[in-house]
Amino acid sequence: MSIREKLLTKWLTHPPKLAPIHEVEGVIEWAVNELGFVITNRKGSHIKLFHDKLRDHDEFDGGLGSFDVCILGGQRVKGCYLELLSLAIDEVRKGK
């Protein structure tokens, strides 16, 4: 199991309170390049991601297929956003 897989499993089952931004950006970059996620907006402390396979899932903007990852102080990401990111990746991978 790769480091990324271990991170995603950890974030989905037992998300930490905070995670360093470099870990999260690495996973987001992989999701964009390998799974087809799209960064629709990146302003300040928010990264907005979209994937067509997330439509009709209420967790992702009421079924629109997008969600935010918020960065605290430019250095860390809260566990609730880690859980949402890993859930989104899991849903997209199931749909492949």
C-alpha atoms as a PDB file:
ATOM      1  CA  MET A   1       0.000   0.000   0.000  1.00  0.00           C
ATOM      2  CA  SER A   2       1.436   3.360  -1.033  1.00  0.00           C
ATOM      3  CA  ILE A   3       1.850   6.326   1.288  1.00  0.00           C
ATOM      4  CA  ARG A   4      -1.026   8.077  -0.509  1.00  0.00           C
ATOM      5  CA  GLU A   5      -3.293   5.052   0.021  1.00  0.00           C
ATOM      6  CA  LYS A   6      -2.418   4.978   3.712  1.00  0.00           C
ATOM      7  CA  LEU A   7      -3.178   8.699   4.033  1.00  0.00           C
ATOM      8  CA  LEU A   8      -6.537   8.345   2.283  1.00  0.00           C
ATOM      9  CA  THR A   9      -7.524   5.381   4.451  1.00  0.00           C
ATOM     10  CA  LYS A  10      -6.489   7.232   7.596  1.00  0.00           C
ATOM     11  CA  TRP A  11      -8.324  10.407   6.566  1.00  0.00           C
ATOM     12  CA  LEU A  12     -11.504   8.492   5.776  1.00  0.00           C
ATOM     13  CA  THR A  13     -11.609   6.318   8.899  1.00  0.00           C
ATOM     14  CA  HIS A  14      -9.847   8.416  11.559  1.00  0.00           C
ATOM     15  CA  PRO A  15      -9.129  11.921  10.260  1.00  0.00           C
ATOM     16  CA  PRO A  16      -6.604  13.890  12.304  1.00  0.00           C
ATOM     17  CA  LYS A  17      -7.581  17.297  13.654  1.00  0.00           C
ATOM     18  CA  LEU A  18      -5.107  18.960  11.290  1.00  0.00           C
ATOM     19  CA  ALA A  19      -2.844  17.855   8.443  1.00  0.00           C
ATOM     20  CA  PRO A  20       0.043  19.714   6.783  1.00  0.00           C
ATOM     21  CA  ILE A  21      -0.842  21.420   3.524  1.00  0.00           C
ATOM     22  CA  HIS A  22       1.953  19.699   1.561  1.00  0.00           C
ATOM     23  CA  GLU A  23       0.343  16.281   2.186  1.00  0.00           C
ATOM     24  CA  VAL A  24      -3.064  17.540   1.089  1.00  0.00           C
ATOM     25  CA  GLU A  25      -1.742  19.327  -1.996  1.00  0.00           C
ATOM     26  CA  GLY A  26       0.060  16.141  -3.025  1.00  0.00           C
ATOM     27  CA  VAL A  27      -3.163  14.135  -2.825  1.00  0.00           C
ATOM     28  CA  ILE A  28      -5.110  16.857  -4.674  1.00  0.00           C
ATOM     29  CA  GLU A  29      -2.479  16.975  -7.432  1.00  0.00           C
ATOM     30  CA  TRP A  30      -2.708  13.195  -7.807  1.00  0.00           C
ATOM     31  CA  ALA A  31      -6.536  13.341  -7.875  1.00  0.00           C
ATOM     32  CA  VAL A  32      -6.431  15.990 -10.615  1.00  0.00           C
ATOM     33  CA  ASN A  33      -3.844  14.168 -12.732  1.00  0.00           C
ATOM     34  CA  GLU A  34      -4.989  10.569 -12.263  1.00  0.00           C
ATOM     35  CA  LEU A  35      -8.709  10.668 -11.448  1.00  0.00           C
ATOM     36  CA  GLY A  36      -9.938  13.650 -13.435  1.00  0.00           C
ATOM     37  CA  PHE A  37     -10.796  16.062 -10.627  1.00  0.00           C
ATOM     38  CA  VAL A  38     -10.865  19.714 -11.654  1.00  0.00           C
ATOM     39  CA  ILE A  39      -9.770  22.645  -9.509  1.00  0.00           C
ATOM     40  CA  THR A  40     -12.513  25.127 -10.314  1.00  0.00           C
ATOM     41  CA  ASN A  41     -11.312  27.862  -8.005  1.00  0.00           C
ATOM     42  CA  ARG A  42      -8.374  28.537  -5.735  1.00  0.00           C
ATOM     43  CA  LYS A  43      -8.597  31.784  -3.837  1.00  0.00           C
ATOM     44  CA  GLY A  44      -6.786  32.483  -0.622  1.00  0.00           C
ATOM     45  CA  SER A  45      -7.528  29.704   1.808  1.00  0.00           C
ATOM     46  CA  HIS A  46     -10.038  27.736  -0.293  1.00  0.00           C
ATOM     47  CA  ILE A  47      -9.546  25.117  -2.984  1.00  0.00           C
ATOM     48  CA  LYS A  48     -12.767  24.219  -4.808  1.00  0.00           C
ATOM     49  CA  LEU A  49     -12.756  20.814  -6.511  1.00  0.00           C
ATOM     50  CA  PHE A  50     -15.232  19.268  -8.939  1.00  0.00           C
ATOM     51  CA  HIS A  51     -15.801  15.859 -10.484  1.00  0.00           C
ATOM     52  CA  ASP A  52     -18.724  14.844 -12.672  1.00  0.00           C
ATOM     53  CA  LYS A  53     -19.098  11.476 -10.904  1.00  0.00           C
ATOM     54  CA  LEU A  54     -19.908  13.304  -7.648  1.00  0.00           C
ATOM     55  CA  ARG A  55     -23.145  14.741  -9.025  1.00  0.00           C
ATOM     56  CA  ASP A  56     -26.258  13.500  -7.229  1.00  0.00           C
ATOM     57  CA  HIS A  57     -24.320  13.014  -3.971  1.00  0.00           C
ATOM     58  CA  ASP A  58     -25.758  15.422  -1.410  1.00  0.00           C
ATOM     59  CA  GLU A  59     -22.429  15.701   0.439  1.00  0.00           C
ATOM     60  CA  PHE A  60     -20.947  17.552  -2.527  1.00  0.00           C
ATOM     61  CA  ASP A  61     -22.676  20.952  -2.802  1.00  0.00           C
ATOM     62  CA  GLY A  62     -26.145  19.432  -2.683  1.00  0.00           C
ATOM     63  CA  GLY A  63     -25.567  17.207  -5.683  1.00  0.00           C
ATOM     64  CA  LEU A  64     -23.624  19.645  -7.873  1.00  0.00           C
ATOM     65  CA  GLY A  65     -20.429  17.579  -7.677  1.00  0.00           C
ATOM     66  CA  SER A  66     -18.114  20.126  -6.077  1.00  0.00           C
ATOM     67  CA  PHE A  67     -16.669  20.733  -2.629  1.00  0.00           C
ATOM     68  CA  ASP A  68     -14.205  22.987  -0.814  1.00  0.00           C
ATOM     69  CA  VAL A  69     -10.980  22.195   0.986  1.00  0.00           C
ATOM     70  CA  CYS A  70     -10.198  25.031   3.385  1.00  0.00           C
ATOM     71  CA  ILE A  71      -6.667  25.822   4.531  1.00  0.00           C
ATOM     72  CA  LEU A  72      -5.974  27.269   7.978  1.00  0.00           C
ATOM     73  CA  GLY A  73      -3.266  29.896   8.089  1.00  0.00           C
ATOM     74  CA  GLY A  74      -1.868  28.681   4.778  1.00  0.00           C
ATOM     75  CA  GLN A  75      -0.292  25.675   6.486  1.00  0.00           C
ATOM     76  CA  ARG A  76      -2.861  23.124   7.695  1.00  0.00           C
ATOM     77  CA  VAL A  77      -6.167  21.535   6.700  1.00  0.00           C
ATOM     78  CA  LYS A  78      -8.897  20.513   9.161  1.00  0.00           C
ATOM     79  CA  GLY A  79      -9.876  16.870   9.524  1.00  0.00           C
ATOM     80  CA  CYS A  80     -13.439  17.402   8.291  1.00  0.00           C
ATOM     81  CA  TYR A  81     -12.079  18.547   4.908  1.00  0.00           C
ATOM     82  CA  LEU A  82      -9.647  15.623   4.795  1.00  0.00           C
ATOM     83  CA  GLU A  83     -12.540  13.261   5.351  1.00  0.00           C
ATOM     84  CA  LEU A  84     -14.580  14.948   2.599  1.00  0.00           C
ATOM     85  CA  LEU A  85     -11.640  14.818   0.158  1.00  0.00           C
ATOM     86  CA  SER A  86     -11.002  11.127   0.829  1.00  0.00           C
ATOM     87  CA  LEU A  87     -14.734  10.362   0.549  1.00  0.00           C
ATOM     88  CA  ALA A  88     -14.845  12.121  -2.829  1.00  0.00           C
ATOM     89  CA  ILE A  89     -11.818  10.183  -4.075  1.00  0.00           C
ATOM     90  CA  ASP A  90     -13.353   6.942  -2.818  1.00  0.00           C
ATOM     91  CA  GLU A  91     -16.653   7.657  -4.610  1.00  0.00           C
ATOM     92  CA  VAL A  92     -14.882   8.453  -7.890  1.00  0.00           C
ATOM     93  CA  ARG A  93     -12.756   5.318  -7.698  1.00  0.00           C
ATOM     94  CA  LYS A  94     -15.827   3.158  -7.030  1.00  0.00           C
ATOM     95  CA  GLY A  95     -17.477   4.596 -10.114  1.00  0.00           C
ATOM     96  CA  LYS A  96     -14.585   3.705 -12.446  1.00  0.00           C
END
